[in-house]
């Protein structure tokens, strides 16, 4: 009878250890995702953010950096070209009056801010990429939290069963121990 209790205690102890290890892994993953979410929040991963990140998110950092910047540059280029074309069309349609309204001393100044327009669209595209990645991270965090809750439930059940097995073992020992008068 002792062997049955001992074997079950070993099985439960191993299960508890495995569940605790899995919980520790999930908590580390949540912490790493938190760092990653902070890195991508502004749409750009700076060299210092990149170097101070945990190794587990190195690939995610690289993928985000390699995808977000070229995509944002492309989107900024398209948006600024469309913006500048609209400005030119409005100026042409108004016979130059639009340019005079913007800056009476230099009607051609509406074309001088193209660099700033491009940078504004680029920053917007980077911000959008950061927000999209943050939403993805949030979904991952939600999934991990549900896994964590499931493991906590299993852990509590295993610990309760272990306590019952230990109590039954003690009672069995007391019952089968020789009684000397």
N, C-alpha and C. Protein backbone atom coordinates (compact mmCIF):
# COMPACT_ATOMS: atom_id res chain seq x y z
N UNK A 1 0.82 -1.20 0.00
CA UNK A 1 0.00 0.00 0.00
C UNK A 1 0.86 1.26 0.00
N UNK A 2 2.00 1.18 0.71
CA UNK A 2 2.88 2.35 0.76
C UNK A 2 3.42 2.69 -0.63
N UNK A 3 3.68 1.66 -1.42
CA UNK A 3 4.24 1.87 -2.75
C UNK A 3 3.26 2.64 -3.65
N UNK A 4 1.99 2.36 -3.48
CA UNK A 4 0.97 3.06 -4.28
C UNK A 4 0.96 4.55 -3.94
N UNK A 5 0.97 4.85 -2.64
CA UNK A 5 0.97 6.25 -2.22
C UNK A 5 2.27 6.96 -2.65
N UNK A 6 3.38 6.26 -2.49
CA UNK A 6 4.68 6.85 -2.86
C UNK A 6 4.73 7.12 -4.36
N UNK A 7 4.27 6.16 -5.14
CA UNK A 7 4.28 6.35 -6.60
C UNK A 7 3.38 7.51 -7.00
N UNK A 8 2.20 7.57 -6.40
CA UNK A 8 1.28 8.66 -6.75
C UNK A 8 1.85 10.01 -6.31
N UNK A 9 2.50 10.04 -5.14
CA UNK A 9 3.13 11.28 -4.68
C UNK A 9 4.23 11.72 -5.66
N UNK A 10 5.01 10.77 -6.14
CA UNK A 10 6.06 11.10 -7.12
C UNK A 10 5.46 11.63 -8.42
N UNK A 11 4.39 10.98 -8.88
CA UNK A 11 3.73 11.44 -10.10
C UNK A 11 3.18 12.86 -9.93
N UNK A 12 2.53 13.10 -8.81
CA UNK A 12 1.95 14.42 -8.56
C UNK A 12 3.05 15.47 -8.38
N UNK A 13 4.11 15.12 -7.70
CA UNK A 13 5.22 16.06 -7.51
C UNK A 13 5.83 16.42 -8.86
N UNK A 14 6.01 15.42 -9.73
CA UNK A 14 6.54 15.70 -11.07
C UNK A 14 5.58 16.58 -11.86
N UNK A 15 4.30 16.29 -11.76
CA UNK A 15 3.30 17.11 -12.47
C UNK A 15 3.32 18.55 -11.95
N UNK A 16 3.39 18.72 -10.66
CA UNK A 16 3.43 20.06 -10.07
C UNK A 16 4.69 20.80 -10.53
N UNK A 17 5.82 20.11 -10.52
CA UNK A 17 7.06 20.74 -10.98
C UNK A 17 6.97 21.14 -12.45
N UNK A 18 6.39 20.27 -13.27
CA UNK A 18 6.24 20.60 -14.70
C UNK A 18 5.31 21.79 -14.90
N UNK A 19 4.23 21.84 -14.14
CA UNK A 19 3.28 22.96 -14.25
C UNK A 19 3.93 24.26 -13.77
N UNK A 20 4.69 24.18 -12.68
CA UNK A 20 5.37 25.37 -12.19
C UNK A 20 6.41 25.86 -13.20
N UNK A 21 7.11 24.93 -13.84
CA UNK A 21 8.09 25.31 -14.86
C UNK A 21 7.40 25.97 -16.04
N UNK A 22 6.28 25.40 -16.47
CA UNK A 22 5.53 25.99 -17.59
C UNK A 22 5.02 27.37 -17.22
N UNK A 23 4.58 27.54 -15.98
CA UNK A 23 4.11 28.85 -15.50
C UNK A 23 5.26 29.86 -15.54
N UNK A 24 6.44 29.41 -15.13
CA UNK A 24 7.61 30.29 -15.15
C UNK A 24 7.94 30.70 -16.59
N UNK A 25 7.84 29.76 -17.52
CA UNK A 25 8.09 30.08 -18.93
C UNK A 25 7.08 31.11 -19.45
N UNK A 26 5.82 30.93 -19.09
CA UNK A 26 4.78 31.87 -19.54
C UNK A 26 5.01 33.26 -18.96
N UNK A 27 5.40 33.32 -17.70
CA UNK A 27 5.67 34.62 -17.08
C UNK A 27 6.86 35.30 -17.76
N UNK A 28 7.88 34.53 -18.11
CA UNK A 28 9.03 35.10 -18.82
C UNK A 28 8.62 35.59 -20.19
N UNK A 29 7.76 34.83 -20.86
CA UNK A 29 7.28 35.23 -22.18
C UNK A 29 6.47 36.54 -22.08
N UNK A 30 5.64 36.65 -21.05
CA UNK A 30 4.88 37.89 -20.84
C UNK A 30 5.82 39.07 -20.62
N UNK A 31 6.85 38.86 -19.84
CA UNK A 31 7.82 39.92 -19.57
C UNK A 31 8.54 40.32 -20.87
N UNK A 32 8.93 39.34 -21.67
CA UNK A 32 9.61 39.64 -22.93
C UNK A 32 8.67 40.37 -23.90
N UNK A 33 7.41 39.96 -23.93
CA UNK A 33 6.44 40.64 -24.80
C UNK A 33 6.22 42.08 -24.34
N UNK A 34 6.28 42.31 -23.06
CA UNK A 34 6.14 43.66 -22.54
C UNK A 34 7.29 44.54 -23.02
N UNK A 35 8.50 44.00 -23.00
CA UNK A 35 9.66 44.74 -23.50
C UNK A 35 9.49 45.02 -24.99
N UNK A 36 9.04 44.01 -25.73
CA UNK A 36 8.85 44.17 -27.17
C UNK A 36 7.78 45.22 -27.48
N UNK A 37 6.69 45.20 -26.72
CA UNK A 37 5.63 46.20 -26.93
C UNK A 37 6.17 47.60 -26.68
N UNK A 38 7.01 47.74 -25.67
CA UNK A 38 7.64 49.04 -25.42
C UNK A 38 8.57 49.46 -26.54
N UNK A 39 9.26 48.49 -27.13
CA UNK A 39 10.19 48.79 -28.23
C UNK A 39 9.45 49.30 -29.46
N UNK A 40 8.33 48.69 -29.78
CA UNK A 40 7.64 49.03 -31.03
C UNK A 40 6.56 50.09 -30.85
N UNK A 41 6.38 50.59 -29.66
CA UNK A 41 5.29 51.54 -29.39
C UNK A 41 5.36 52.77 -30.29
N UNK A 42 6.55 53.28 -30.55
CA UNK A 42 6.68 54.47 -31.38
C UNK A 42 6.91 54.15 -32.85
N UNK A 43 6.90 52.87 -33.20
CA UNK A 43 7.06 52.47 -34.60
C UNK A 43 8.50 52.27 -35.03
N UNK A 44 9.45 52.57 -34.16
CA UNK A 44 10.87 52.42 -34.49
C UNK A 44 11.56 51.74 -33.32
N UNK A 45 12.43 50.80 -33.64
CA UNK A 45 13.25 50.18 -32.60
C UNK A 45 14.62 50.82 -32.66
N UNK A 46 14.95 51.56 -31.62
CA UNK A 46 16.24 52.25 -31.59
C UNK A 46 17.36 51.24 -31.31
N UNK A 47 18.60 51.60 -31.63
CA UNK A 47 19.71 50.69 -31.35
C UNK A 47 19.81 50.33 -29.86
N UNK A 48 19.57 51.28 -28.98
CA UNK A 48 19.65 50.97 -27.55
C UNK A 48 18.53 50.02 -27.13
N UNK A 49 17.32 50.20 -27.68
CA UNK A 49 16.23 49.27 -27.39
C UNK A 49 16.56 47.88 -27.93
N UNK A 50 17.14 47.87 -29.11
CA UNK A 50 17.49 46.60 -29.75
C UNK A 50 18.50 45.84 -28.91
N UNK A 51 19.52 46.54 -28.44
CA UNK A 51 20.60 45.89 -27.70
C UNK A 51 20.19 45.51 -26.28
N UNK A 52 19.24 46.20 -25.71
CA UNK A 52 18.83 45.88 -24.34
C UNK A 52 17.67 44.90 -24.28
N UNK A 53 17.24 44.42 -25.43
CA UNK A 53 16.12 43.48 -25.47
C UNK A 53 16.57 42.07 -25.13
N UNK A 54 15.66 41.26 -24.57
CA UNK A 54 16.01 39.86 -24.31
C UNK A 54 16.23 39.10 -25.62
N UNK A 55 17.03 38.06 -25.55
CA UNK A 55 17.37 37.28 -26.75
C UNK A 55 16.14 36.63 -27.38
N UNK A 56 15.14 36.34 -26.57
CA UNK A 56 13.95 35.65 -27.09
C UNK A 56 13.16 36.49 -28.09
N UNK A 57 13.32 37.82 -28.04
CA UNK A 57 12.57 38.66 -28.98
C UNK A 57 13.48 39.26 -30.06
N UNK A 58 14.69 38.74 -30.18
CA UNK A 58 15.61 39.24 -31.20
C UNK A 58 15.00 39.11 -32.60
N UNK A 59 14.46 37.95 -32.91
CA UNK A 59 13.85 37.73 -34.23
C UNK A 59 12.66 38.65 -34.48
N UNK A 60 11.84 38.82 -33.46
CA UNK A 60 10.67 39.70 -33.61
C UNK A 60 11.13 41.14 -33.84
N UNK A 61 12.16 41.58 -33.10
CA UNK A 61 12.70 42.92 -33.30
C UNK A 61 13.22 43.09 -34.72
N UNK A 62 13.96 42.10 -35.20
CA UNK A 62 14.53 42.17 -36.56
C UNK A 62 13.41 42.22 -37.60
N UNK A 63 12.42 41.34 -37.45
CA UNK A 63 11.32 41.32 -38.42
C UNK A 63 10.57 42.65 -38.45
N UNK A 64 10.30 43.19 -37.27
CA UNK A 64 9.58 44.46 -37.22
C UNK A 64 10.41 45.55 -37.87
N UNK A 65 11.68 45.63 -37.52
CA UNK A 65 12.56 46.67 -38.08
C UNK A 65 12.68 46.52 -39.60
N UNK A 66 12.89 45.30 -40.06
CA UNK A 66 13.07 45.07 -41.50
C UNK A 66 11.79 45.27 -42.31
N UNK A 67 10.64 45.18 -41.66
CA UNK A 67 9.38 45.35 -42.38
C UNK A 67 8.76 46.73 -42.21
N UNK A 68 8.84 47.29 -41.02
CA UNK A 68 8.11 48.53 -40.76
C UNK A 68 8.74 49.73 -41.45
N UNK A 69 10.05 49.84 -41.45
CA UNK A 69 10.70 51.02 -42.03
C UNK A 69 10.50 51.07 -43.55
N UNK A 70 10.83 50.00 -44.30
CA UNK A 70 10.60 50.08 -45.76
C UNK A 70 9.13 50.29 -46.12
N UNK A 71 8.24 49.62 -45.39
CA UNK A 71 6.81 49.80 -45.66
C UNK A 71 6.37 51.23 -45.37
N UNK A 72 6.87 51.79 -44.27
CA UNK A 72 6.52 53.17 -43.91
C UNK A 72 7.10 54.16 -44.92
N UNK A 73 8.30 53.91 -45.40
CA UNK A 73 8.89 54.77 -46.43
C UNK A 73 8.05 54.75 -47.70
N UNK A 74 7.62 53.56 -48.09
CA UNK A 74 6.79 53.44 -49.29
C UNK A 74 5.46 54.17 -49.11
N UNK A 75 4.81 53.95 -47.95
CA UNK A 75 3.53 54.62 -47.70
C UNK A 75 3.70 56.13 -47.64
N UNK A 76 4.79 56.60 -47.03
CA UNK A 76 5.04 58.04 -46.94
C UNK A 76 5.29 58.62 -48.33
N UNK A 77 6.00 57.90 -49.16
CA UNK A 77 6.27 58.36 -50.52
C UNK A 77 4.97 58.51 -51.31
N UNK A 78 4.13 57.47 -51.24
CA UNK A 78 2.85 57.53 -51.95
C UNK A 78 1.97 58.66 -51.42
N UNK A 79 1.87 58.78 -50.11
CA UNK A 79 0.99 59.79 -49.52
C UNK A 79 1.50 61.20 -49.81
N UNK A 80 2.81 61.40 -49.73
CA UNK A 80 3.33 62.75 -49.97
C UNK A 80 3.20 63.13 -51.45
N UNK A 81 3.37 62.16 -52.35
CA UNK A 81 3.16 62.45 -53.77
C UNK A 81 1.72 62.84 -54.04
N UNK A 82 0.78 62.12 -53.44
CA UNK A 82 -0.63 62.45 -53.63
C UNK A 82 -0.94 63.81 -53.01
N UNK A 83 -0.38 64.07 -51.84
CA UNK A 83 -0.59 65.36 -51.18
C UNK A 83 -0.06 66.50 -52.04
N UNK A 84 1.17 66.35 -52.52
CA UNK A 84 1.78 67.41 -53.34
C UNK A 84 1.03 67.59 -54.66
N UNK A 85 0.53 66.51 -55.24
CA UNK A 85 -0.26 66.62 -56.46
C UNK A 85 -1.55 67.39 -56.19
N UNK A 86 -2.17 67.13 -55.05
CA UNK A 86 -3.40 67.86 -54.70
C UNK A 86 -3.11 69.35 -54.49
N UNK A 87 -1.98 69.64 -53.83
CA UNK A 87 -1.60 71.04 -53.61
C UNK A 87 -1.40 71.74 -54.95
N UNK A 88 -0.69 71.07 -55.85
CA UNK A 88 -0.44 71.68 -57.17
C UNK A 88 -1.76 71.89 -57.92
N UNK A 89 -2.63 70.90 -57.87
CA UNK A 89 -3.92 71.02 -58.55
C UNK A 89 -4.76 72.15 -57.96
N UNK A 90 -4.74 72.27 -56.62
CA UNK A 90 -5.49 73.37 -55.99
C UNK A 90 -4.90 74.72 -56.38
N UNK A 91 -3.59 74.80 -56.46
CA UNK A 91 -2.95 76.06 -56.83
C UNK A 91 -3.24 76.40 -58.29
N UNK A 92 -3.21 75.38 -59.15
CA UNK A 92 -3.51 75.61 -60.57
C UNK A 92 -4.97 76.01 -60.74
N UNK A 93 -5.85 75.30 -60.03
CA UNK A 93 -7.29 75.59 -60.14
C UNK A 93 -7.63 76.99 -59.64
N UNK A 94 -6.84 77.49 -58.70
CA UNK A 94 -7.11 78.82 -58.16
C UNK A 94 -6.28 79.90 -58.84
N UNK A 95 -5.63 79.55 -59.95
CA UNK A 95 -4.78 80.49 -60.69
C UNK A 95 -3.71 81.12 -59.80
N UNK A 96 -3.12 80.28 -58.91
CA UNK A 96 -2.05 80.77 -58.05
C UNK A 96 -2.52 81.43 -56.78
N UNK A 97 -3.83 81.58 -56.62
CA UNK A 97 -4.35 82.24 -55.42
C UNK A 97 -4.11 81.40 -54.15
N UNK A 98 -4.11 80.09 -54.30
CA UNK A 98 -3.87 79.23 -53.13
C UNK A 98 -2.46 79.47 -52.59
N UNK A 99 -1.47 79.53 -53.47
CA UNK A 99 -0.09 79.81 -53.05
C UNK A 99 0.03 81.17 -52.42
N UNK A 100 -0.69 82.14 -52.92
CA UNK A 100 -0.67 83.49 -52.32
C UNK A 100 -1.30 83.48 -50.93
N UNK A 101 -2.32 82.64 -50.74
CA UNK A 101 -2.99 82.58 -49.44
C UNK A 101 -2.09 81.93 -48.38
N UNK A 102 -1.26 80.97 -48.82
CA UNK A 102 -0.36 80.29 -47.87
C UNK A 102 0.75 81.24 -47.43
N UNK A 103 1.40 81.90 -48.38
CA UNK A 103 2.49 82.83 -48.06
C UNK A 103 2.51 83.92 -49.12
N UNK A 104 1.94 85.08 -48.83
CA UNK A 104 1.87 86.15 -49.84
C UNK A 104 3.23 86.62 -50.33
N UNK A 105 4.27 86.50 -49.50
CA UNK A 105 5.59 86.97 -49.93
C UNK A 105 6.25 85.99 -50.89
N UNK A 106 5.85 84.70 -50.86
CA UNK A 106 6.44 83.71 -51.75
C UNK A 106 5.38 82.69 -52.12
N UNK A 107 4.67 82.91 -53.23
CA UNK A 107 3.60 82.00 -53.63
C UNK A 107 4.09 80.57 -53.90
N UNK A 108 5.39 80.40 -54.19
CA UNK A 108 5.92 79.06 -54.46
C UNK A 108 6.31 78.32 -53.17
N UNK A 109 6.08 78.91 -52.01
CA UNK A 109 6.45 78.27 -50.75
C UNK A 109 5.64 77.02 -50.47
N UNK A 110 4.51 76.88 -51.14
CA UNK A 110 3.71 75.67 -50.91
C UNK A 110 4.46 74.43 -51.39
N UNK A 111 5.43 74.60 -52.25
CA UNK A 111 6.21 73.46 -52.74
C UNK A 111 7.47 73.23 -51.90
N UNK A 112 7.83 74.19 -51.09
CA UNK A 112 9.09 74.10 -50.33
C UNK A 112 9.00 73.15 -49.14
N UNK A 113 7.83 72.84 -48.69
CA UNK A 113 7.71 72.01 -47.50
C UNK A 113 7.55 70.52 -47.80
N UNK A 114 7.96 70.09 -48.98
CA UNK A 114 7.79 68.69 -49.36
C UNK A 114 8.55 67.75 -48.43
N UNK A 115 9.72 68.15 -47.99
CA UNK A 115 10.50 67.33 -47.07
C UNK A 115 9.74 67.13 -45.76
N UNK A 116 9.15 68.21 -45.24
CA UNK A 116 8.40 68.13 -43.99
C UNK A 116 7.12 67.31 -44.15
N UNK A 117 6.49 67.43 -45.31
CA UNK A 117 5.29 66.65 -45.59
C UNK A 117 5.64 65.16 -45.61
N UNK A 118 6.74 64.82 -46.30
CA UNK A 118 7.17 63.42 -46.36
C UNK A 118 7.46 62.89 -44.96
N UNK A 119 8.18 63.65 -44.16
CA UNK A 119 8.51 63.21 -42.80
C UNK A 119 7.26 63.03 -41.94
N UNK A 120 6.28 63.91 -42.12
CA UNK A 120 5.04 63.78 -41.36
C UNK A 120 4.31 62.49 -41.73
N UNK A 121 4.23 62.20 -43.02
CA UNK A 121 3.59 60.96 -43.47
C UNK A 121 4.39 59.73 -43.02
N UNK A 122 5.71 59.84 -43.04
CA UNK A 122 6.57 58.75 -42.60
C UNK A 122 6.34 58.45 -41.12
N UNK A 123 6.27 59.49 -40.31
CA UNK A 123 6.03 59.32 -38.88
C UNK A 123 4.65 58.71 -38.63
N UNK A 124 3.65 59.15 -39.39
CA UNK A 124 2.31 58.57 -39.25
C UNK A 124 2.32 57.08 -39.59
N UNK A 125 3.04 56.72 -40.65
CA UNK A 125 3.12 55.32 -41.06
C UNK A 125 3.85 54.48 -40.01
N UNK A 126 4.91 55.03 -39.43
CA UNK A 126 5.61 54.32 -38.37
C UNK A 126 4.72 54.14 -37.14
N UNK A 127 3.99 55.19 -36.79
CA UNK A 127 3.07 55.09 -35.66
C UNK A 127 2.00 54.02 -35.90
N UNK A 128 1.48 53.98 -37.12
CA UNK A 128 0.47 52.98 -37.47
C UNK A 128 1.06 51.57 -37.39
N UNK A 129 2.29 51.41 -37.84
CA UNK A 129 2.95 50.09 -37.76
C UNK A 129 3.15 49.70 -36.30
N UNK A 130 3.55 50.65 -35.47
CA UNK A 130 3.72 50.37 -34.05
C UNK A 130 2.42 49.99 -33.38
N UNK A 131 1.34 50.68 -33.72
CA UNK A 131 0.03 50.36 -33.13
C UNK A 131 -0.46 48.99 -33.59
N UNK A 132 -0.23 48.67 -34.85
CA UNK A 132 -0.64 47.35 -35.36
C UNK A 132 0.14 46.24 -34.65
N UNK A 133 1.42 46.45 -34.46
CA UNK A 133 2.25 45.45 -33.77
C UNK A 133 1.86 45.36 -32.30
N UNK A 134 1.54 46.48 -31.69
CA UNK A 134 1.10 46.48 -30.29
C UNK A 134 -0.21 45.70 -30.13
N UNK A 135 -1.10 45.82 -31.10
CA UNK A 135 -2.35 45.06 -31.06
C UNK A 135 -2.07 43.56 -31.17
N UNK A 136 -1.10 43.22 -32.01
CA UNK A 136 -0.70 41.81 -32.15
C UNK A 136 -0.13 41.29 -30.83
N UNK A 137 0.70 42.09 -30.20
CA UNK A 137 1.30 41.71 -28.91
C UNK A 137 0.20 41.56 -27.86
N UNK A 138 -0.77 42.43 -27.88
CA UNK A 138 -1.88 42.37 -26.91
C UNK A 138 -2.65 41.05 -27.06
N UNK A 139 -2.86 40.62 -28.32
CA UNK A 139 -3.54 39.34 -28.54
C UNK A 139 -2.70 38.18 -28.01
N UNK A 140 -1.38 38.25 -28.21
CA UNK A 140 -0.49 37.21 -27.68
C UNK A 140 -0.53 37.19 -26.16
N UNK A 141 -0.52 38.37 -25.56
CA UNK A 141 -0.57 38.45 -24.10
C UNK A 141 -1.88 37.87 -23.57
N UNK A 142 -2.98 38.13 -24.24
CA UNK A 142 -4.28 37.60 -23.84
C UNK A 142 -4.26 36.07 -23.91
N UNK A 143 -3.68 35.53 -24.98
CA UNK A 143 -3.57 34.08 -25.14
C UNK A 143 -2.71 33.48 -24.02
N UNK A 144 -1.61 34.12 -23.71
CA UNK A 144 -0.73 33.63 -22.65
C UNK A 144 -1.42 33.69 -21.30
N UNK A 145 -2.18 34.76 -21.07
CA UNK A 145 -2.90 34.87 -19.80
C UNK A 145 -3.95 33.75 -19.65
N UNK A 146 -4.60 33.37 -20.75
CA UNK A 146 -5.58 32.28 -20.66
C UNK A 146 -4.86 30.95 -20.40
N UNK A 147 -3.68 30.75 -21.03
CA UNK A 147 -2.89 29.55 -20.75
C UNK A 147 -2.45 29.54 -19.28
N UNK A 148 -2.05 30.69 -18.78
CA UNK A 148 -1.61 30.81 -17.39
C UNK A 148 -2.75 30.45 -16.44
N UNK A 149 -3.93 30.92 -16.73
CA UNK A 149 -5.10 30.62 -15.89
C UNK A 149 -5.39 29.12 -15.90
N UNK A 150 -5.29 28.49 -17.06
CA UNK A 150 -5.53 27.06 -17.16
C UNK A 150 -4.48 26.29 -16.35
N UNK A 151 -3.22 26.70 -16.43
CA UNK A 151 -2.16 26.02 -15.69
C UNK A 151 -2.34 26.24 -14.19
N UNK A 152 -2.74 27.44 -13.78
CA UNK A 152 -3.00 27.69 -12.35
C UNK A 152 -4.08 26.76 -11.82
N UNK A 153 -5.11 26.54 -12.61
CA UNK A 153 -6.19 25.64 -12.21
C UNK A 153 -5.68 24.21 -12.07
N UNK A 154 -4.91 23.76 -13.07
CA UNK A 154 -4.34 22.42 -13.01
C UNK A 154 -3.38 22.27 -11.82
N UNK A 155 -2.61 23.31 -11.58
CA UNK A 155 -1.65 23.29 -10.47
C UNK A 155 -2.37 23.18 -9.13
N UNK A 156 -3.42 23.95 -8.98
CA UNK A 156 -4.19 23.91 -7.73
C UNK A 156 -4.81 22.53 -7.53
N UNK A 157 -5.32 21.93 -8.60
CA UNK A 157 -5.91 20.59 -8.50
C UNK A 157 -4.85 19.56 -8.13
N UNK A 158 -3.67 19.64 -8.74
CA UNK A 158 -2.60 18.70 -8.43
C UNK A 158 -2.10 18.86 -7.00
N UNK A 159 -1.99 20.09 -6.54
CA UNK A 159 -1.56 20.33 -5.15
C UNK A 159 -2.60 19.81 -4.16
N UNK A 160 -3.87 19.99 -4.47
CA UNK A 160 -4.93 19.48 -3.60
C UNK A 160 -4.89 17.96 -3.56
N UNK A 161 -4.72 17.33 -4.71
CA UNK A 161 -4.65 15.87 -4.75
C UNK A 161 -3.42 15.37 -4.00
N UNK A 162 -2.30 16.05 -4.14
CA UNK A 162 -1.09 15.67 -3.42
C UNK A 162 -1.31 15.73 -1.91
N UNK A 163 -1.98 16.77 -1.46
CA UNK A 163 -2.26 16.90 -0.03
C UNK A 163 -3.15 15.74 0.44
N UNK A 164 -4.14 15.38 -0.36
CA UNK A 164 -5.03 14.27 0.01
C UNK A 164 -4.28 12.95 0.04
N UNK A 165 -3.38 12.74 -0.92
CA UNK A 165 -2.58 11.51 -0.95
C UNK A 165 -1.68 11.45 0.28
N UNK A 166 -1.06 12.56 0.62
CA UNK A 166 -0.20 12.59 1.81
C UNK A 166 -1.00 12.32 3.08
N UNK A 167 -2.19 12.92 3.18
CA UNK A 167 -3.05 12.67 4.34
C UNK A 167 -3.46 11.20 4.42
N UNK A 168 -3.83 10.62 3.27
CA UNK A 168 -4.23 9.21 3.24
C UNK A 168 -3.04 8.32 3.60
N UNK A 169 -1.86 8.69 3.16
CA UNK A 169 -0.66 7.91 3.48
C UNK A 169 -0.40 7.92 4.99
N UNK A 170 -0.51 9.10 5.59
CA UNK A 170 -0.30 9.21 7.04
C UNK A 170 -1.33 8.38 7.79
N UNK A 171 -2.58 8.46 7.38
CA UNK A 171 -3.63 7.67 8.04
C UNK A 171 -3.37 6.18 7.88
N UNK A 172 -2.91 5.77 6.69
CA UNK A 172 -2.63 4.36 6.45
C UNK A 172 -1.45 3.89 7.31
N UNK A 173 -0.45 4.74 7.47
CA UNK A 173 0.70 4.41 8.32
C UNK A 173 0.25 4.25 9.76
N UNK A 174 -0.57 5.17 10.22
CA UNK A 174 -1.07 5.11 11.60
C UNK A 174 -1.93 3.87 11.81
N UNK A 175 -2.71 3.54 10.80
CA UNK A 175 -3.61 2.38 10.92
C UNK A 175 -2.83 1.07 10.93
N UNK A 176 -1.78 1.00 10.11
CA UNK A 176 -1.04 -0.26 9.99
C UNK A 176 0.16 -0.37 10.93
N UNK A 177 0.46 0.68 11.65
CA UNK A 177 1.60 0.63 12.57
C UNK A 177 1.28 -0.34 13.72
N UNK A 178 2.28 -1.09 14.14
CA UNK A 178 2.03 -2.02 15.24
C UNK A 178 1.70 -1.27 16.54
N UNK A 179 0.80 -1.81 17.25
CA UNK A 179 0.36 -1.18 18.50
C UNK A 179 0.90 -2.04 19.65
N UNK A 180 1.68 -1.43 20.46
CA UNK A 180 2.24 -2.12 21.64
C UNK A 180 1.52 -1.63 22.88
N UNK A 181 1.14 -2.54 23.68
CA UNK A 181 0.36 -2.18 24.85
C UNK A 181 1.18 -1.80 26.00
